[in-house]
Amino acid sequence: NSIYTWSAELYPTVIRGAGMGYLQIAGRLGSAMAPWVAKSLAVF
């Protein structure tokens, strides 16, 4: 929750939308892995 504020302040206004968009991509990459890591890996 805190990293949203930190990241928004690390980028200037002119590219803040793009910066937060890029970080959303990164966050969703991790989120997309979550169901596989949390559930399917337990089989092994």
PDB file of all heavy atoms in Angstrom:
ATOM      1  N   ASN A   1       0.824  -1.209   0.000  1.00  0.00           N
ATOM      2  CA  ASN A   1       0.000   0.000   0.000  1.00  0.00           C
ATOM      3  C   ASN A   1       0.859   1.260   0.000  1.00  0.00           C
ATOM      4  O   ASN A   1       0.535   2.249  -0.659  1.00  0.00           O
ATOM      5  CB  ASN A   1      -0.922   0.017   1.221  1.00  0.00           C
ATOM      6  CG  ASN A   1      -2.090  -0.942   1.073  1.00  0.00           C
ATOM      7  OD1 ASN A   1      -2.317  -1.489   0.009  1.00  0.00           O
ATOM      8  ND2 ASN A   1      -2.824  -1.141   2.147  1.00  0.00           N
ATOM      9  N   SER A   2       1.955   1.230   0.737  1.00  0.00           N
ATOM     10  CA  SER A   2       2.812   2.411   0.861  1.00  0.00           C
ATOM     11  C   SER A   2       3.607   2.693  -0.405  1.00  0.00           C
ATOM     12  O   SER A   2       3.926   3.852  -0.697  1.00  0.00           O
ATOM     13  CB  SER A   2       3.785   2.222   2.032  1.00  0.00           C
ATOM     14  OG  SER A   2       3.097   1.984   3.236  1.00  0.00           O
ATOM     15  N   ILE A   3       3.913   1.645  -1.165  1.00  0.00           N
ATOM     16  CA  ILE A   3       4.758   1.856  -2.335  1.00  0.00           C
ATOM     17  C   ILE A   3       4.036   2.650  -3.414  1.00  0.00           C
ATOM     18  O   ILE A   3       4.659   3.276  -4.273  1.00  0.00           O
ATOM     19  CB  ILE A   3       5.281   0.509  -2.900  1.00  0.00           C
ATOM     20  CG1 ILE A   3       6.544   0.759  -3.728  1.00  0.00           C
ATOM     21  CG2 ILE A   3       4.215  -0.216  -3.714  1.00  0.00           C
ATOM     22  CD1 ILE A   3       7.270  -0.504  -4.141  1.00  0.00           C
ATOM     23  N   TYR A   4       2.686   2.671  -3.389  1.00  0.00           N
ATOM     24  CA  TYR A   4       1.945   3.501  -4.330  1.00  0.00           C
ATOM     25  C   TYR A   4       2.315   4.968  -4.144  1.00  0.00           C
ATOM     26  O   TYR A   4       2.584   5.688  -5.106  1.00  0.00           O
ATOM     27  CB  TYR A   4       0.438   3.309  -4.140  1.00  0.00           C
ATOM     28  CG  TYR A   4      -0.141   2.103  -4.832  1.00  0.00           C
ATOM     29  CD1 TYR A   4      -0.041   0.832  -4.274  1.00  0.00           C
ATOM     30  CD2 TYR A   4      -0.792   2.229  -6.051  1.00  0.00           C
ATOM     31  CE1 TYR A   4      -0.577  -0.277  -4.903  1.00  0.00           C
ATOM     32  CE2 TYR A   4      -1.332   1.122  -6.688  1.00  0.00           C
ATOM     33  CZ  TYR A   4      -1.227  -0.130  -6.117  1.00  0.00           C
ATOM     34  OH  TYR A   4      -1.750  -1.225  -6.744  1.00  0.00           O
ATOM     35  N   THR A   5       2.329   5.423  -2.882  1.00  0.00           N
ATOM     36  CA  THR A   5       2.679   6.812  -2.604  1.00  0.00           C
ATOM     37  C   THR A   5       4.126   7.089  -2.966  1.00  0.00           C
ATOM     38  O   THR A   5       4.452   8.101  -3.599  1.00  0.00           O
ATOM     39  CB  THR A   5       2.449   7.133  -1.119  1.00  0.00           C
ATOM     40  OG1 THR A   5       1.064   6.961  -0.817  1.00  0.00           O
ATOM     41  CG2 THR A   5       2.863   8.556  -0.792  1.00  0.00           C
ATOM     42  N   TRP A   6       5.011   6.192  -2.572  1.00  0.00           N
ATOM     43  CA  TRP A   6       6.447   6.365  -2.830  1.00  0.00           C
ATOM     44  C   TRP A   6       6.719   6.438  -4.327  1.00  0.00           C
ATOM     45  O   TRP A   6       7.415   7.339  -4.804  1.00  0.00           O
ATOM     46  CB  TRP A   6       7.208   5.195  -2.199  1.00  0.00           C
ATOM     47  CG  TRP A   6       8.687   5.410  -2.079  1.00  0.00           C
ATOM     48  CD1 TRP A   6       9.365   6.596  -2.145  1.00  0.00           C
ATOM     49  CD2 TRP A   6       9.675   4.412  -1.858  1.00  0.00           C
ATOM     50  NE1 TRP A   6      10.711   6.386  -1.969  1.00  0.00           N
ATOM     51  CE2 TRP A   6      10.930   5.052  -1.786  1.00  0.00           C
ATOM     52  CE3 TRP A   6       9.630   3.024  -1.688  1.00  0.00           C
ATOM     53  CZ2 TRP A   6      12.113   4.360  -1.588  1.00  0.00           C
ATOM     54  CZ3 TRP A   6      10.803   2.332  -1.475  1.00  0.00           C
ATOM     55  CH2 TRP A   6      12.038   2.980  -1.421  1.00  0.00           C
ATOM     56  N   SER A   7       6.163   5.508  -5.089  1.00  0.00           N
ATOM     57  CA  SER A   7       6.405   5.474  -6.533  1.00  0.00           C
ATOM     58  C   SER A   7       5.815   6.690  -7.229  1.00  0.00           C
ATOM     59  O   SER A   7       6.424   7.250  -8.140  1.00  0.00           O
ATOM     60  CB  SER A   7       5.817   4.190  -7.136  1.00  0.00           C
ATOM     61  OG  SER A   7       6.522   3.053  -6.692  1.00  0.00           O
ATOM     62  N   ALA A   8       4.612   7.103  -6.820  1.00  0.00           N
ATOM     63  CA  ALA A   8       3.985   8.277  -7.440  1.00  0.00           C
ATOM     64  C   ALA A   8       4.843   9.522  -7.232  1.00  0.00           C
ATOM     65  O   ALA A   8       4.900  10.403  -8.096  1.00  0.00           O
ATOM     66  CB  ALA A   8       2.591   8.497  -6.865  1.00  0.00           C
ATOM     67  N   GLU A   9       5.546   9.604  -6.098  1.00  0.00           N
ATOM     68  CA  GLU A   9       6.396  10.756  -5.816  1.00  0.00           C
ATOM     69  C   GLU A   9       7.761  10.651  -6.469  1.00  0.00           C
ATOM     70  O   GLU A   9       8.436  11.663  -6.667  1.00  0.00           O
ATOM     71  CB  GLU A   9       6.544  10.924  -4.299  1.00  0.00           C
ATOM     72  CG  GLU A   9       5.244  11.315  -3.613  1.00  0.00           C
ATOM     73  CD  GLU A   9       5.360  11.400  -2.107  1.00  0.00           C
ATOM     74  OE1 GLU A   9       6.318  10.831  -1.538  1.00  0.00           O
ATOM     75  OE2 GLU A   9       4.486  12.036  -1.489  1.00  0.00           O
ATOM     76  N   LEU A  10       8.181   9.451  -6.809  1.00  0.00           N
ATOM     77  CA  LEU A  10       9.476   9.272  -7.457  1.00  0.00           C
ATOM     78  C   LEU A  10       9.447   9.698  -8.930  1.00  0.00           C
ATOM     79  O   LEU A  10      10.484  10.026  -9.501  1.00  0.00           O
ATOM     80  CB  LEU A  10       9.928   7.805  -7.351  1.00  0.00           C
ATOM     81  CG  LEU A  10      10.472   7.370  -5.994  1.00  0.00           C
ATOM     82  CD1 LEU A  10      10.631   5.854  -5.925  1.00  0.00           C
ATOM     83  CD2 LEU A  10      11.812   8.044  -5.697  1.00  0.00           C
ATOM     84  N   TYR A  11       8.253   9.694  -9.546  1.00  0.00           N
ATOM     85  CA  TYR A  11       8.135  10.092 -10.947  1.00  0.00           C
ATOM     86  C   TYR A  11       7.560  11.502 -11.063  1.00  0.00           C
ATOM     87  O   TYR A  11       6.659  11.872 -10.309  1.00  0.00           O
ATOM     88  CB  TYR A  11       7.222   9.126 -11.707  1.00  0.00           C
ATOM     89  CG  TYR A  11       7.854   7.792 -11.998  1.00  0.00           C
ATOM     90  CD1 TYR A  11       7.301   6.611 -11.511  1.00  0.00           C
ATOM     91  CD2 TYR A  11       9.016   7.703 -12.770  1.00  0.00           C
ATOM     92  CE1 TYR A  11       7.877   5.382 -11.778  1.00  0.00           C
ATOM     93  CE2 TYR A  11       9.601   6.482 -13.042  1.00  0.00           C
ATOM     94  CZ  TYR A  11       9.026   5.317 -12.547  1.00  0.00           C
ATOM     95  OH  TYR A  11       9.605   4.109 -12.814  1.00  0.00           O
ATOM     96  N   PRO A  12       8.044  12.318 -12.032  1.00  0.00           N
ATOM     97  CA  PRO A  12       7.469  13.648 -12.260  1.00  0.00           C
ATOM     98  C   PRO A  12       6.089  13.549 -12.907  1.00  0.00           C
ATOM     99  O   PRO A  12       5.751  12.535 -13.525  1.00  0.00           O
ATOM    100  CB  PRO A  12       8.477  14.308 -13.202  1.00  0.00           C
ATOM    101  CG  PRO A  12       9.138  13.176 -13.915  1.00  0.00           C
ATOM    102  CD  PRO A  12       9.203  12.056 -12.911  1.00  0.00           C
ATOM    103  N   THR A  13       5.296  14.615 -12.785  1.00  0.00           N
ATOM    104  CA  THR A  13       3.921  14.608 -13.289  1.00  0.00           C
ATOM    105  C   THR A  13       3.836  14.216 -14.758  1.00  0.00           C
ATOM    106  O   THR A  13       2.942  13.468 -15.159  1.00  0.00           O
ATOM    107  CB  THR A  13       3.290  16.005 -13.101  1.00  0.00           C
ATOM    108  OG1 THR A  13       3.235  16.296 -11.706  1.00  0.00           O
ATOM    109  CG2 THR A  13       1.884  16.056 -13.679  1.00  0.00           C
ATOM    110  N   VAL A  14       4.765  14.703 -15.563  1.00  0.00           N
ATOM    111  CA  VAL A  14       4.681  14.507 -17.005  1.00  0.00           C
ATOM    112  C   VAL A  14       4.741  13.035 -17.416  1.00  0.00           C
ATOM    113  O   VAL A  14       4.214  12.648 -18.452  1.00  0.00           O
ATOM    114  CB  VAL A  14       5.806  15.318 -17.710  1.00  0.00           C
ATOM    115  CG1 VAL A  14       7.166  14.745 -17.403  1.00  0.00           C
ATOM    116  CG2 VAL A  14       5.553  15.392 -19.200  1.00  0.00           C
ATOM    117  N   ILE A  15       5.365  12.189 -16.600  1.00  0.00           N
ATOM    118  CA  ILE A  15       5.404  10.754 -16.921  1.00  0.00           C
ATOM    119  C   ILE A  15       4.871   9.906 -15.773  1.00  0.00           C
ATOM    120  O   ILE A  15       5.090   8.701 -15.734  1.00  0.00           O
ATOM    121  CB  ILE A  15       6.843  10.287 -17.284  1.00  0.00           C
ATOM    122  CG1 ILE A  15       7.823  10.580 -16.147  1.00  0.00           C
ATOM    123  CG2 ILE A  15       7.296  10.887 -18.599  1.00  0.00           C
ATOM    124  CD1 ILE A  15       9.193   9.922 -16.326  1.00  0.00           C
ATOM    125  N   ARG A  16       4.147  10.550 -14.850  1.00  0.00           N
ATOM    126  CA  ARG A  16       3.643   9.793 -13.704  1.00  0.00           C
ATOM    127  C   ARG A  16       2.643   8.722 -14.139  1.00  0.00           C
ATOM    128  O   ARG A  16       2.656   7.601 -13.641  1.00  0.00           O
ATOM    129  CB  ARG A  16       3.001  10.729 -12.676  1.00  0.00           C
ATOM    130  CG  ARG A  16       2.585  10.010 -11.387  1.00  0.00           C
ATOM    131  CD  ARG A  16       2.201  10.991 -10.299  1.00  0.00           C
ATOM    132  NE  ARG A  16       3.331  11.815  -9.931  1.00  0.00           N
ATOM    133  CZ  ARG A  16       3.345  13.145  -9.996  1.00  0.00           C
ATOM    134  NH1 ARG A  16       2.264  13.789 -10.419  1.00  0.00           N
ATOM    135  NH2 ARG A  16       4.413  13.815  -9.647  1.00  0.00           N
ATOM    136  N   GLY A  17       1.779   9.070 -15.065  1.00  0.00           N
ATOM    137  CA  GLY A  17       0.814   8.082 -15.561  1.00  0.00           C
ATOM    138  C   GLY A  17       1.518   6.915 -16.214  1.00  0.00           C
ATOM    139  O   GLY A  17       1.182   5.753 -15.981  1.00  0.00           O
ATOM    140  N   ALA A  18       2.523   7.216 -17.048  1.00  0.00           N
ATOM    141  CA  ALA A  18       3.290   6.153 -17.710  1.00  0.00           C
ATOM    142  C   ALA A  18       4.074   5.338 -16.684  1.00  0.00           C
ATOM    143  O   ALA A  18       4.149   4.107 -16.772  1.00  0.00           O
ATOM    144  CB  ALA A  18       4.239   6.758 -18.742  1.00  0.00           C
ATOM    145  N   GLY A  19       4.662   6.046 -15.703  1.00  0.00           N
ATOM    146  CA  GLY A  19       5.436   5.349 -14.677  1.00  0.00           C
ATOM    147  C   GLY A  19       4.578   4.414 -13.850  1.00  0.00           C
ATOM    148  O   GLY A  19       4.940   3.256 -13.617  1.00  0.00           O
ATOM    149  N   MET A  20       3.418   4.911 -13.416  1.00  0.00           N
ATOM    150  CA  MET A  20       2.525   4.071 -12.632  1.00  0.00           C
ATOM    151  C   MET A  20       1.940   2.949 -13.498  1.00  0.00           C
ATOM    152  O   MET A  20       1.662   1.854 -13.014  1.00  0.00           O
ATOM    153  CB  MET A  20       1.408   4.915 -12.013  1.00  0.00           C
ATOM    154  CG  MET A  20       1.893   5.958 -11.009  1.00  0.00           C
ATOM    155  SD  MET A  20       2.861   5.276  -9.644  1.00  0.00           S
ATOM    156  CE  MET A  20       1.583   4.475  -8.674  1.00  0.00           C
ATOM    157  N   GLY A  21       1.775   3.228 -14.798  1.00  0.00           N
ATOM    158  CA  GLY A  21       1.324   2.180 -15.711  1.00  0.00           C
ATOM    159  C   GLY A  21       2.350   1.065 -15.826  1.00  0.00           C
ATOM    160  O   GLY A  21       2.014  -0.123 -15.774  1.00  0.00           O
ATOM    161  N   TYR A  22       3.632   1.450 -15.952  1.00  0.00           N
ATOM    162  CA  TYR A  22       4.718   0.461 -16.009  1.00  0.00           C
ATOM    163  C   TYR A  22       4.764  -0.369 -14.733  1.00  0.00           C
ATOM    164  O   TYR A  22       4.909  -1.603 -14.769  1.00  0.00           O
ATOM    165  CB  TYR A  22       6.047   1.187 -16.230  1.00  0.00           C
ATOM    166  CG  TYR A  22       7.244   0.497 -15.651  1.00  0.00           C
ATOM    167  CD1 TYR A  22       7.720  -0.700 -16.182  1.00  0.00           C
ATOM    168  CD2 TYR A  22       7.921   1.041 -14.545  1.00  0.00           C
ATOM    169  CE1 TYR A  22       8.835  -1.331 -15.633  1.00  0.00           C
ATOM    170  CE2 TYR A  22       9.022   0.423 -13.997  1.00  0.00           C
ATOM    171  CZ  TYR A  22       9.475  -0.769 -14.538  1.00  0.00           C
ATOM    172  OH  TYR A  22      10.567  -1.399 -13.990  1.00  0.00           O
ATOM    173  N   LEU A  23       4.601   0.298 -13.591  1.00  0.00           N
ATOM    174  CA  LEU A  23       4.644  -0.426 -12.319  1.00  0.00           C
ATOM    175  C   LEU A  23       3.422  -1.321 -12.148  1.00  0.00           C
ATOM    176  O   LEU A  23       3.506  -2.382 -11.522  1.00  0.00           O
ATOM    177  CB  LEU A  23       4.763   0.563 -11.156  1.00  0.00           C
ATOM    178  CG  LEU A  23       6.083   1.344 -11.126  1.00  0.00           C
ATOM    179  CD1 LEU A  23       6.066   2.391 -10.015  1.00  0.00           C
ATOM    180  CD2 LEU A  23       7.272   0.403 -10.952  1.00  0.00           C
ATOM    181  N   GLN A  24       2.293  -0.893 -12.715  1.00  0.00           N
ATOM    182  CA  GLN A  24       1.121  -1.761 -12.712  1.00  0.00           C
ATOM    183  C   GLN A  24       1.411  -3.046 -13.501  1.00  0.00           C
ATOM    184  O   GLN A  24       0.993  -4.134 -13.111  1.00  0.00           O
ATOM    185  CB  GLN A  24      -0.073  -1.033 -13.332  1.00  0.00           C
ATOM    186  CG  GLN A  24      -0.708  -0.002 -12.427  1.00  0.00           C
ATOM    187  CD  GLN A  24      -1.551  -0.643 -11.341  1.00  0.00           C
ATOM    188  OE1 GLN A  24      -2.521  -1.336 -11.625  1.00  0.00           O
ATOM    189  NE2 GLN A  24      -1.178  -0.432 -10.098  1.00  0.00           N
ATOM    190  N   ILE A  25       2.142  -2.902 -14.610  1.00  0.00           N
ATOM    191  CA  ILE A  25       2.520  -4.077 -15.399  1.00  0.00           C
ATOM    192  C   ILE A  25       3.358  -5.023 -14.541  1.00  0.00           C
ATOM    193  O   ILE A  25       3.128  -6.235 -14.503  1.00  0.00           O
ATOM    194  CB  ILE A  25       3.318  -3.660 -16.644  1.00  0.00           C
ATOM    195  CG1 ILE A  25       2.463  -2.807 -17.568  1.00  0.00           C
ATOM    196  CG2 ILE A  25       3.835  -4.890 -17.397  1.00  0.00           C
ATOM    197  CD1 ILE A  25       3.248  -2.136 -18.674  1.00  0.00           C
ATOM    198  N   ALA A  26       4.346  -4.443 -13.858  1.00  0.00           N
ATOM    199  CA  ALA A  26       5.208  -5.256 -12.996  1.00  0.00           C
ATOM    200  C   ALA A  26       4.399  -5.932 -11.898  1.00  0.00           C
ATOM    201  O   ALA A  26       4.555  -7.127 -11.622  1.00  0.00           O
ATOM    202  CB  ALA A  26       6.305  -4.376 -12.395  1.00  0.00           C
ATOM    203  N   GLY A  27       3.519  -5.149 -11.259  1.00  0.00           N
ATOM    204  CA  GLY A  27       2.689  -5.705 -10.191  1.00  0.00           C
ATOM    205  C   GLY A  27       1.783  -6.812 -10.683  1.00  0.00           C
ATOM    206  O   GLY A  27       1.585  -7.827 -10.018  1.00  0.00           O
ATOM    207  N   ARG A  28       1.231  -6.634 -11.889  1.00  0.00           N
ATOM    208  CA  ARG A  28       0.333  -7.660 -12.430  1.00  0.00           C
ATOM    209  C   ARG A  28       1.086  -8.901 -12.882  1.00  0.00           C
ATOM    210  O   ARG A  28       0.532  -9.994 -12.885  1.00  0.00           O
ATOM    211  CB  ARG A  28      -0.465  -7.090 -13.614  1.00  0.00           C
ATOM    212  CG  ARG A  28      -1.508  -6.072 -13.248  1.00  0.00           C
ATOM    213  CD  ARG A  28      -2.033  -6.254 -11.827  1.00  0.00           C
ATOM    214  NE  ARG A  28      -1.678  -5.113 -10.998  1.00  0.00           N
ATOM    215  CZ  ARG A  28      -1.569  -5.175  -9.690  1.00  0.00           C
ATOM    216  NH1 ARG A  28      -1.762  -6.286  -9.035  1.00  0.00           N
ATOM    217  NH2 ARG A  28      -1.248  -4.094  -9.011  1.00  0.00           N
ATOM    218  N   LEU A  29       2.348  -8.727 -13.279  1.00  0.00           N
ATOM    219  CA  LEU A  29       3.165  -9.901 -13.597  1.00  0.00           C
ATOM    220  C   LEU A  29       3.310 -10.774 -12.357  1.00  0.00           C
ATOM    221  O   LEU A  29       3.142 -11.995 -12.409  1.00  0.00           O
ATOM    222  CB  LEU A  29       4.546  -9.462 -14.104  1.00  0.00           C
ATOM    223  CG  LEU A  29       5.554 -10.584 -14.380  1.00  0.00           C
ATOM    224  CD1 LEU A  29       5.036 -11.511 -15.473  1.00  0.00           C
ATOM    225  CD2 LEU A  29       6.909  -9.997 -14.786  1.00  0.00           C
ATOM    226  N   GLY A  30       3.612 -10.130 -11.231  1.00  0.00           N
ATOM    227  CA  GLY A  30       3.692 -10.875  -9.971  1.00  0.00           C
ATOM    228  C   GLY A  30       2.361 -11.462  -9.577  1.00  0.00           C
ATOM    229  O   GLY A  30       2.280 -12.613  -9.129  1.00  0.00           O
ATOM    230  N   SER A  31       1.286 -10.697  -9.763  1.00  0.00           N
ATOM    231  CA  SER A  31      -0.052 -11.178  -9.414  1.00  0.00           C
ATOM    232  C   SER A  31      -0.461 -12.358 -10.282  1.00  0.00           C
ATOM    233  O   SER A  31      -1.119 -13.290  -9.806  1.00  0.00           O
ATOM    234  CB  SER A  31      -1.073 -10.040  -9.582  1.00  0.00           C
ATOM    235  OG  SER A  31      -0.688  -8.908  -8.825  1.00  0.00           O
ATOM    236  N   ALA A  32      -0.089 -12.307 -11.574  1.00  0.00           N
ATOM    237  CA  ALA A  32      -0.429 -13.406 -12.481  1.00  0.00           C
ATOM    238  C   ALA A  32       0.266 -14.698 -12.074  1.00  0.00           C
ATOM    239  O   ALA A  32      -0.256 -15.801 -12.286  1.00  0.00           O
ATOM    240  CB  ALA A  32      -0.050 -13.029 -13.911  1.00  0.00           C
ATOM    241  N   MET A  33       1.439 -14.566 -11.466  1.00  0.00           N
ATOM    242  CA  MET A  33       2.158 -15.758 -11.006  1.00  0.00           C
ATOM    243  C   MET A  33       1.578 -16.310  -9.707  1.00  0.00           C
ATOM    244  O   MET A  33       1.785 -17.479  -9.370  1.00  0.00           O
ATOM    245  CB  MET A  33       3.642 -15.432 -10.799  1.00  0.00           C
ATOM    246  CG  MET A  33       4.391 -15.081 -12.073  1.00  0.00           C
ATOM    247  SD  MET A  33       6.177 -14.952 -11.803  1.00  0.00           S
ATOM    248  CE  MET A  33       6.275 -13.496 -10.762  1.00  0.00           C
ATOM    249  N   ALA A  34       0.855 -15.458  -8.966  1.00  0.00           N
ATOM    250  CA  ALA A  34       0.380 -15.816  -7.622  1.00  0.00           C
ATOM    251  C   ALA A  34      -0.431 -17.112  -7.569  1.00  0.00           C
ATOM    252  O   ALA A  34      -0.133 -17.986  -6.737  1.00  0.00           O
ATOM    253  CB  ALA A  34      -0.405 -14.666  -7.012  1.00  0.00           C
ATOM    254  N   PRO A  35      -1.467 -17.312  -8.417  1.00  0.00           N
ATOM    255  CA  PRO A  35      -2.243 -18.554  -8.295  1.00  0.00           C
ATOM    256  C   PRO A  35      -1.436 -19.802  -8.610  1.00  0.00           C
ATOM    257  O   PRO A  35      -1.662 -20.859  -8.023  1.00  0.00           O
ATOM    258  CB  PRO A  35      -3.387 -18.358  -9.297  1.00  0.00           C
ATOM    259  CG  PRO A  35      -2.910 -17.309 -10.239  1.00  0.00           C
ATOM    260  CD  PRO A  35      -2.029 -16.409  -9.429  1.00  0.00           C
ATOM    261  N   TRP A  36      -0.470 -19.668  -9.524  1.00  0.00           N
ATOM    262  CA  TRP A  36       0.370 -20.819  -9.872  1.00  0.00           C
ATOM    263  C   TRP A  36       1.340 -21.138  -8.735  1.00  0.00           C
ATOM    264  O   TRP A  36       1.537 -22.311  -8.385  1.00  0.00           O
ATOM    265  CB  TRP A  36       1.137 -20.537 -11.163  1.00  0.00           C
ATOM    266  CG  TRP A  36       0.252 -20.211 -12.315  1.00  0.00           C
ATOM    267  CD1 TRP A  36      -0.184 -18.976 -12.696  1.00  0.00           C
ATOM    268  CD2 TRP A  36      -0.347 -21.140 -13.227  1.00  0.00           C
ATOM    269  NE1 TRP A  36      -0.998 -19.073 -13.784  1.00  0.00           N
ATOM    270  CE2 TRP A  36      -1.111 -20.381 -14.143  1.00  0.00           C
ATOM    271  CE3 TRP A  36      -0.297 -22.531 -13.373  1.00  0.00           C
ATOM    272  CZ2 TRP A  36      -1.836 -20.974 -15.174  1.00  0.00           C
ATOM    273  CZ3 TRP A  36      -1.012 -23.105 -14.410  1.00  0.00           C
ATOM    274  CH2 TRP A  36      -1.768 -22.336 -15.288  1.00  0.00           C
ATOM    275  N   VAL A  37       1.965 -20.089  -8.184  1.00  0.00           N
ATOM    276  CA  VAL A  37       2.914 -20.298  -7.082  1.00  0.00           C
ATOM    277  C   VAL A  37       2.186 -20.783  -5.833  1.00  0.00           C
ATOM    278  O   VAL A  37       2.628 -21.727  -5.169  1.00  0.00           O
ATOM    279  CB  VAL A  37       3.682 -18.990  -6.778  1.00  0.00           C
ATOM    280  CG1 VAL A  37       4.537 -19.143  -5.514  1.00  0.00           C
ATOM    281  CG2 VAL A  37       4.567 -18.608  -7.955  1.00  0.00           C
ATOM    282  N   ALA A  38       1.060 -20.155  -5.511  1.00  0.00           N
ATOM    283  CA  ALA A  38       0.345 -20.466  -4.261  1.00  0.00           C
ATOM    284  C   ALA A  38      -0.313 -21.832  -4.281  1.00  0.00           C
ATOM    285  O   ALA A  38      -0.452 -22.470  -3.232  1.00  0.00           O
ATOM    286  CB  ALA A  38      -0.700 -19.397  -3.982  1.00  0.00           C
ATOM    287  N   LYS A  39      -0.714 -22.309  -5.464  1.00  0.00           N
ATOM    288  CA  LYS A  39      -1.475 -23.553  -5.534  1.00  0.00           C
ATOM    289  C   LYS A  39      -0.763 -24.687  -6.273  1.00  0.00           C
ATOM    290  O   LYS A  39      -0.569 -25.769  -5.732  1.00  0.00           O
ATOM    291  CB  LYS A  39      -2.829 -23.272  -6.200  1.00  0.00           C
ATOM    292  CG  LYS A  39      -3.756 -22.396  -5.366  1.00  0.00           C
ATOM    293  CD  LYS A  39      -4.138 -23.080  -4.068  1.00  0.00           C
ATOM    294  CE  LYS A  39      -5.107 -22.257  -3.242  1.00  0.00           C
ATOM    295  NZ  LYS A  39      -5.407 -22.908  -1.952  1.00  0.00           N
ATOM    296  N   SER A  40      -0.367 -24.430  -7.516  1.00  0.00           N
ATOM    297  CA  SER A  40       0.141 -25.541  -8.331  1.00  0.00           C
ATOM    298  C   SER A  40       1.500 -26.059  -7.864  1.00  0.00           C
ATOM    299  O   SER A  40       1.796 -27.252  -8.001  1.00  0.00           O
ATOM    300  CB  SER A  40       0.230 -25.117  -9.802  1.00  0.00           C
ATOM    301  OG  SER A  40       1.143 -24.052  -9.971  1.00  0.00           O
ATOM    302  N   LEU A  41       2.351 -25.216  -7.294  1.00  0.00           N
ATOM    303  CA  LEU A  41       3.670 -25.667  -6.845  1.00  0.00           C
ATOM    304  C   LEU A  41       3.587 -26.625  -5.667  1.00  0.00           C
ATOM    305  O   LEU A  41       4.504 -27.418  -5.436  1.00  0.00           O
ATOM    306  CB  LEU A  41       4.553 -24.469  -6.475  1.00  0.00           C
ATOM    307  CG  LEU A  41       5.105 -23.638  -7.634  1.00  0.00           C
ATOM    308  CD1 LEU A  41       6.003 -22.533  -7.098  1.00  0.00           C
ATOM    309  CD2 LEU A  41       5.874 -24.508  -8.618  1.00  0.00           C
ATOM    310  N   ALA A  42       2.498 -26.548  -4.920  1.00  0.00           N
ATOM    311  CA  ALA A  42       2.331 -27.443  -3.771  1.00  0.00           C
ATOM    312  C   ALA A  42       2.248 -28.905  -4.197  1.00  0.00           C
ATOM    313  O   ALA A  42       2.503 -29.804  -3.391  1.00  0.00           O
ATOM    314  CB  ALA A  42       1.086 -27.054  -2.983  1.00  0.00           C
ATOM    315  N   VAL A  43       1.903 -29.142  -5.469  1.00  0.00           N
ATOM    316  CA  VAL A  43       1.840 -30.511  -5.981  1.00  0.00           C
ATOM    317  C   VAL A  43       3.230 -31.152  -5.965  1.00  0.00           C
ATOM    318  O   VAL A  43       3.385 -32.346  -5.708  1.00  0.00           O
ATOM    319  CB  VAL A  43       1.255 -30.528  -7.417  1.00  0.00           C
ATOM    320  CG1 VAL A  43       1.324 -31.917  -8.022  1.00  0.00           C
ATOM    321  CG2 VAL A  43      -0.171 -30.006  -7.403  1.00  0.00           C
ATOM    322  N   PHE A  44       4.252 -30.321  -6.205  1.00  0.00           N
ATOM    323  CA  PHE A  44       5.630 -30.826  -6.230  1.00  0.00           C
ATOM    324  C   PHE A  44       6.210 -30.924  -4.815  1.00  0.00           C
ATOM    325  O   PHE A  44       6.879 -31.899  -4.481  1.00  0.00           O
ATOM    326  CB  PHE A  44       6.501 -29.920  -7.097  1.00  0.00           C
ATOM    327  CG  PHE A  44       6.032 -29.821  -8.515  1.00  0.00           C
ATOM    328  CD1 PHE A  44       5.270 -28.748  -8.932  1.00  0.00           C
ATOM    329  CD2 PHE A  44       6.322 -30.826  -9.427  1.00  0.00           C
ATOM    330  CE1 PHE A  44       4.817 -28.656 -10.238  1.00  0.00           C
ATOM    331  CE2 PHE A  44       5.880 -30.747 -10.739  1.00  0.00           C
ATOM    332  CZ  PHE A  44       5.116 -29.669 -11.147  1.00  0.00           C
TER     333      PHE A  44
END
